[in-house]
Amino acid sequence: MNRDDELTIARFIKGLSPSISNKVELQPYLSFNDVRYLAIKIGKQLKGKRPFTTHLIEHKAPPRVSSSTTKLTLPLLLSKPLIRVKGLLVSLPRG
């Protein structure tokens, strides 16, 4: 590789976005075509990835509920009289 090729490669890498240029500089290359190929490959990889935070889904454990605080809130059950049995609200059958 001659001096002109080295300058061309250096200018090319400097013109890349920092996220791509940092990765290209860590890879071995022998020619401008190698650098160009690496930049395209890394760019496609980065474009295909979403930021790390979007992959994290916040999973919250359901709140611990004791049987004394559990309530049934289905609309069907609300239209019927309710009684508390062992800490649970239970609808009474009509009739």
N, C-alpha and C. Protein backbone atom coordinates (compact mmCIF):
# COMPACT_ATOMS: atom_id res chain seq x y z
N MET A 1 0.86 -1.16 0.00
CA MET A 1 0.00 0.00 0.00
C MET A 1 0.92 1.23 0.00
N ASN A 2 0.66 2.13 -0.92
CA ASN A 2 1.50 3.32 -1.00
C ASN A 2 0.93 4.46 -0.14
N ARG A 3 1.65 5.54 -0.07
CA ARG A 3 1.29 6.67 0.79
C ARG A 3 -0.05 7.27 0.40
N ASP A 4 -0.34 7.38 -0.90
CA ASP A 4 -1.62 7.93 -1.35
C ASP A 4 -2.79 7.05 -0.90
N ASP A 5 -2.62 5.74 -0.97
CA ASP A 5 -3.68 4.82 -0.51
C ASP A 5 -3.93 5.00 0.99
N GLU A 6 -2.85 5.14 1.76
CA GLU A 6 -2.99 5.33 3.21
C GLU A 6 -3.74 6.62 3.53
N LEU A 7 -3.43 7.70 2.79
CA LEU A 7 -4.12 8.97 3.00
C LEU A 7 -5.60 8.87 2.61
N THR A 8 -5.86 8.18 1.51
CA THR A 8 -7.25 7.99 1.08
C THR A 8 -8.04 7.23 2.13
N ILE A 9 -7.45 6.18 2.67
CA ILE A 9 -8.11 5.38 3.70
C ILE A 9 -8.33 6.23 4.96
N ALA A 10 -7.34 7.00 5.35
CA ALA A 10 -7.45 7.84 6.55
C ALA A 10 -8.57 8.87 6.38
N ARG A 11 -8.63 9.51 5.20
CA ARG A 11 -9.69 10.49 4.95
C ARG A 11 -11.07 9.83 4.92
N PHE A 12 -11.14 8.64 4.34
CA PHE A 12 -12.41 7.90 4.28
C PHE A 12 -12.90 7.58 5.69
N ILE A 13 -12.01 7.05 6.52
CA ILE A 13 -12.38 6.67 7.89
C ILE A 13 -12.79 7.91 8.69
N LYS A 14 -12.09 9.02 8.49
CA LYS A 14 -12.43 10.26 9.20
C LYS A 14 -13.81 10.76 8.80
N GLY A 15 -14.25 10.47 7.59
CA GLY A 15 -15.56 10.92 7.12
C GLY A 15 -16.72 10.04 7.57
N LEU A 16 -16.41 8.89 8.14
CA LEU A 16 -17.46 7.99 8.61
C LEU A 16 -18.02 8.50 9.95
N SER A 17 -19.20 8.03 10.27
CA SER A 17 -19.75 8.38 11.59
C SER A 17 -18.87 7.71 12.65
N PRO A 18 -18.78 8.33 13.83
CA PRO A 18 -17.91 7.79 14.88
C PRO A 18 -18.23 6.34 15.25
N SER A 19 -19.51 5.98 15.25
CA SER A 19 -19.87 4.61 15.63
C SER A 19 -19.33 3.60 14.62
N ILE A 20 -19.23 3.99 13.36
CA ILE A 20 -18.71 3.09 12.32
C ILE A 20 -17.18 3.17 12.28
N SER A 21 -16.63 4.39 12.30
CA SER A 21 -15.18 4.54 12.17
C SER A 21 -14.43 3.87 13.33
N ASN A 22 -14.99 3.95 14.53
CA ASN A 22 -14.33 3.30 15.68
C ASN A 22 -14.22 1.80 15.47
N LYS A 23 -15.25 1.20 14.90
CA LYS A 23 -15.24 -0.25 14.68
C LYS A 23 -14.34 -0.62 13.49
N VAL A 24 -14.36 0.20 12.44
CA VAL A 24 -13.51 -0.07 11.26
C VAL A 24 -12.04 -0.03 11.66
N GLU A 25 -11.66 0.93 12.47
CA GLU A 25 -10.26 1.07 12.87
C GLU A 25 -9.76 -0.12 13.67
N LEU A 26 -10.66 -0.85 14.30
CA LEU A 26 -10.26 -2.02 15.09
C LEU A 26 -10.06 -3.28 14.24
N GLN A 27 -10.52 -3.24 12.99
CA GLN A 27 -10.44 -4.41 12.11
C GLN A 27 -9.19 -4.34 11.22
N PRO A 28 -8.63 -5.48 10.89
CA PRO A 28 -7.48 -5.47 9.97
C PRO A 28 -7.93 -5.21 8.53
N TYR A 29 -7.15 -4.45 7.80
CA TYR A 29 -7.44 -4.19 6.39
C TYR A 29 -6.13 -4.00 5.64
N LEU A 30 -6.17 -4.31 4.34
CA LEU A 30 -4.99 -4.19 3.49
C LEU A 30 -5.16 -3.17 2.37
N SER A 31 -6.42 -2.86 2.04
CA SER A 31 -6.66 -1.96 0.92
C SER A 31 -7.88 -1.09 1.22
N PHE A 32 -8.08 -0.11 0.34
CA PHE A 32 -9.25 0.75 0.47
C PHE A 32 -10.53 -0.06 0.32
N ASN A 33 -10.53 -1.05 -0.57
CA ASN A 33 -11.72 -1.89 -0.75
C ASN A 33 -12.05 -2.65 0.53
N ASP A 34 -11.04 -3.08 1.27
CA ASP A 34 -11.28 -3.74 2.56
C ASP A 34 -11.98 -2.79 3.53
N VAL A 35 -11.49 -1.56 3.60
CA VAL A 35 -12.05 -0.56 4.51
C VAL A 35 -13.49 -0.23 4.09
N ARG A 36 -13.70 -0.07 2.80
CA ARG A 36 -15.03 0.24 2.30
C ARG A 36 -16.01 -0.89 2.62
N TYR A 37 -15.58 -2.12 2.42
CA TYR A 37 -16.41 -3.29 2.71
C TYR A 37 -16.74 -3.34 4.21
N LEU A 38 -15.73 -3.13 5.06
CA LEU A 38 -15.95 -3.14 6.51
C LEU A 38 -16.95 -2.06 6.92
N ALA A 39 -16.79 -0.85 6.35
CA ALA A 39 -17.68 0.26 6.71
C ALA A 39 -19.12 -0.07 6.32
N ILE A 40 -19.31 -0.65 5.15
CA ILE A 40 -20.66 -1.00 4.70
C ILE A 40 -21.24 -2.09 5.60
N LYS A 41 -20.44 -3.10 5.90
CA LYS A 41 -20.90 -4.21 6.74
C LYS A 41 -21.28 -3.72 8.14
N ILE A 42 -20.42 -2.90 8.74
CA ILE A 42 -20.69 -2.39 10.08
C ILE A 42 -21.91 -1.46 10.06
N GLY A 43 -22.02 -0.64 9.03
CA GLY A 43 -23.17 0.25 8.91
C GLY A 43 -24.48 -0.52 8.83
N LYS A 44 -24.49 -1.60 8.08
CA LYS A 44 -25.70 -2.42 7.98
C LYS A 44 -26.03 -3.08 9.31
N GLN A 45 -25.00 -3.53 10.02
CA GLN A 45 -25.22 -4.16 11.33
C GLN A 45 -25.81 -3.14 12.31
N LEU A 46 -25.26 -1.94 12.31
CA LEU A 46 -25.75 -0.91 13.22
C LEU A 46 -27.16 -0.46 12.84
N LYS A 47 -27.44 -0.41 11.57
CA LYS A 47 -28.76 0.03 11.11
C LYS A 47 -29.82 -1.00 11.48
N GLY A 48 -29.44 -2.27 11.45
CA GLY A 48 -30.38 -3.33 11.78
C GLY A 48 -30.68 -3.45 13.25
N LYS A 49 -29.82 -2.88 14.07
CA LYS A 49 -30.00 -2.97 15.52
C LYS A 49 -30.74 -1.75 16.01
N ARG A 50 -31.55 -1.96 17.02
CA ARG A 50 -32.21 -0.85 17.69
C ARG A 50 -31.36 -0.48 18.89
N PRO A 51 -31.55 0.71 19.36
CA PRO A 51 -30.81 1.06 20.57
C PRO A 51 -31.10 0.08 21.68
N PHE A 52 -30.12 -0.17 22.50
CA PHE A 52 -30.21 -1.20 23.53
C PHE A 52 -31.42 -1.00 24.44
N THR A 53 -31.73 0.24 24.77
CA THR A 53 -32.81 0.48 25.72
C THR A 53 -34.17 0.07 25.17
N THR A 54 -34.35 0.07 23.85
CA THR A 54 -35.64 -0.35 23.32
C THR A 54 -35.84 -1.84 23.39
N HIS A 55 -34.76 -2.59 23.56
CA HIS A 55 -34.90 -4.03 23.69
C HIS A 55 -35.29 -4.43 25.10
N LEU A 56 -35.08 -3.55 26.04
CA LEU A 56 -35.43 -3.86 27.42
C LEU A 56 -36.91 -3.60 27.63
N ILE A 57 -37.60 -4.59 28.05
CA ILE A 57 -39.01 -4.43 28.37
C ILE A 57 -39.11 -4.54 29.88
N GLU A 58 -39.71 -3.54 30.45
CA GLU A 58 -39.80 -3.53 31.89
C GLU A 58 -40.84 -4.54 32.34
N HIS A 59 -40.38 -5.57 32.97
CA HIS A 59 -41.28 -6.58 33.51
C HIS A 59 -41.39 -6.36 35.01
N LYS A 60 -42.56 -5.99 35.43
CA LYS A 60 -42.76 -5.80 36.85
C LYS A 60 -43.49 -7.02 37.38
N ALA A 61 -43.05 -7.49 38.50
CA ALA A 61 -43.73 -8.60 39.13
C ALA A 61 -45.10 -8.12 39.58
N PRO A 62 -46.10 -8.97 39.43
CA PRO A 62 -47.42 -8.54 39.89
C PRO A 62 -47.38 -8.28 41.38
N PRO A 63 -48.15 -7.31 41.82
CA PRO A 63 -48.12 -7.02 43.25
C PRO A 63 -48.61 -8.22 44.06
N ARG A 64 -48.01 -8.39 45.19
CA ARG A 64 -48.44 -9.48 46.05
C ARG A 64 -49.77 -9.09 46.68
N VAL A 65 -50.71 -9.98 46.53
CA VAL A 65 -52.05 -9.70 47.03
C VAL A 65 -52.42 -10.81 47.98
N SER A 66 -52.79 -10.42 49.17
CA SER A 66 -53.23 -11.43 50.12
C SER A 66 -54.70 -11.73 49.85
N SER A 67 -55.15 -12.86 50.29
CA SER A 67 -56.53 -13.26 50.03
C SER A 67 -57.52 -12.30 50.66
N SER A 68 -57.11 -11.57 51.69
CA SER A 68 -58.03 -10.65 52.35
C SER A 68 -58.25 -9.38 51.52
N THR A 69 -57.36 -9.09 50.57
CA THR A 69 -57.52 -7.89 49.76
C THR A 69 -57.93 -8.18 48.33
N THR A 70 -58.12 -9.45 47.97
CA THR A 70 -58.49 -9.80 46.61
C THR A 70 -59.96 -9.49 46.37
N LYS A 71 -60.24 -8.80 45.29
CA LYS A 71 -61.62 -8.48 44.93
C LYS A 71 -61.87 -8.91 43.51
N LEU A 72 -63.05 -9.40 43.25
CA LEU A 72 -63.45 -9.75 41.89
C LEU A 72 -64.15 -8.53 41.31
N THR A 73 -63.73 -8.10 40.14
CA THR A 73 -64.30 -6.88 39.59
C THR A 73 -64.91 -7.09 38.22
N LEU A 74 -65.32 -8.28 37.90
CA LEU A 74 -65.95 -8.53 36.61
C LEU A 74 -67.32 -7.87 36.58
N PRO A 75 -67.71 -7.25 35.48
CA PRO A 75 -69.01 -6.58 35.41
C PRO A 75 -70.18 -7.50 35.77
N LEU A 76 -70.10 -8.75 35.37
CA LEU A 76 -71.17 -9.69 35.68
C LEU A 76 -71.31 -9.86 37.19
N LEU A 77 -70.20 -9.92 37.88
CA LEU A 77 -70.24 -10.12 39.31
C LEU A 77 -70.70 -8.88 40.05
N LEU A 78 -70.46 -7.72 39.48
CA LEU A 78 -70.84 -6.49 40.14
C LEU A 78 -72.35 -6.28 40.13
N SER A 79 -73.04 -6.90 39.20
CA SER A 79 -74.48 -6.75 39.13
C SER A 79 -75.19 -7.65 40.14
N LYS A 80 -74.44 -8.52 40.81
CA LYS A 80 -75.02 -9.44 41.78
C LYS A 80 -74.56 -9.04 43.18
N PRO A 81 -75.33 -9.40 44.21
CA PRO A 81 -74.88 -9.11 45.57
C PRO A 81 -73.59 -9.86 45.88
N LEU A 82 -72.71 -9.24 46.64
CA LEU A 82 -71.42 -9.83 46.96
C LEU A 82 -71.32 -10.09 48.46
N ILE A 83 -70.67 -11.18 48.82
CA ILE A 83 -70.36 -11.45 50.22
C ILE A 83 -68.88 -11.78 50.32
N ARG A 84 -68.31 -11.63 51.49
CA ARG A 84 -66.91 -11.93 51.69
C ARG A 84 -66.80 -13.34 52.28
N VAL A 85 -66.07 -14.22 51.58
CA VAL A 85 -65.83 -15.58 52.03
C VAL A 85 -64.33 -15.79 52.10
N LYS A 86 -63.81 -16.02 53.28
CA LYS A 86 -62.38 -16.22 53.47
C LYS A 86 -61.57 -15.09 52.82
N GLY A 87 -62.05 -13.87 53.00
CA GLY A 87 -61.31 -12.72 52.48
C GLY A 87 -61.56 -12.40 51.03
N LEU A 88 -62.34 -13.22 50.32
CA LEU A 88 -62.63 -12.97 48.91
C LEU A 88 -64.06 -12.50 48.75
N LEU A 89 -64.29 -11.58 47.81
CA LEU A 89 -65.65 -11.17 47.51
C LEU A 89 -66.22 -12.16 46.51
N VAL A 90 -67.37 -12.71 46.85
CA VAL A 90 -67.99 -13.72 46.01
C VAL A 90 -69.43 -13.30 45.74
N SER A 91 -69.88 -13.48 44.50
CA SER A 91 -71.26 -13.10 44.17
C SER A 91 -72.21 -14.21 44.60
N LEU A 92 -73.40 -13.77 45.02
CA LEU A 92 -74.44 -14.72 45.42
C LEU A 92 -75.29 -15.05 44.21
N PRO A 93 -75.70 -16.29 44.07
CA PRO A 93 -76.59 -16.61 42.96
C PRO A 93 -77.95 -15.95 43.18
N ARG A 94 -78.56 -15.51 42.11
CA ARG A 94 -79.89 -14.91 42.20
C ARG A 94 -80.93 -16.00 42.16
N GLY A 95 -82.03 -15.72 42.83
CA GLY A 95 -83.12 -16.65 42.68
C GLY A 95 -83.64 -17.21 43.89
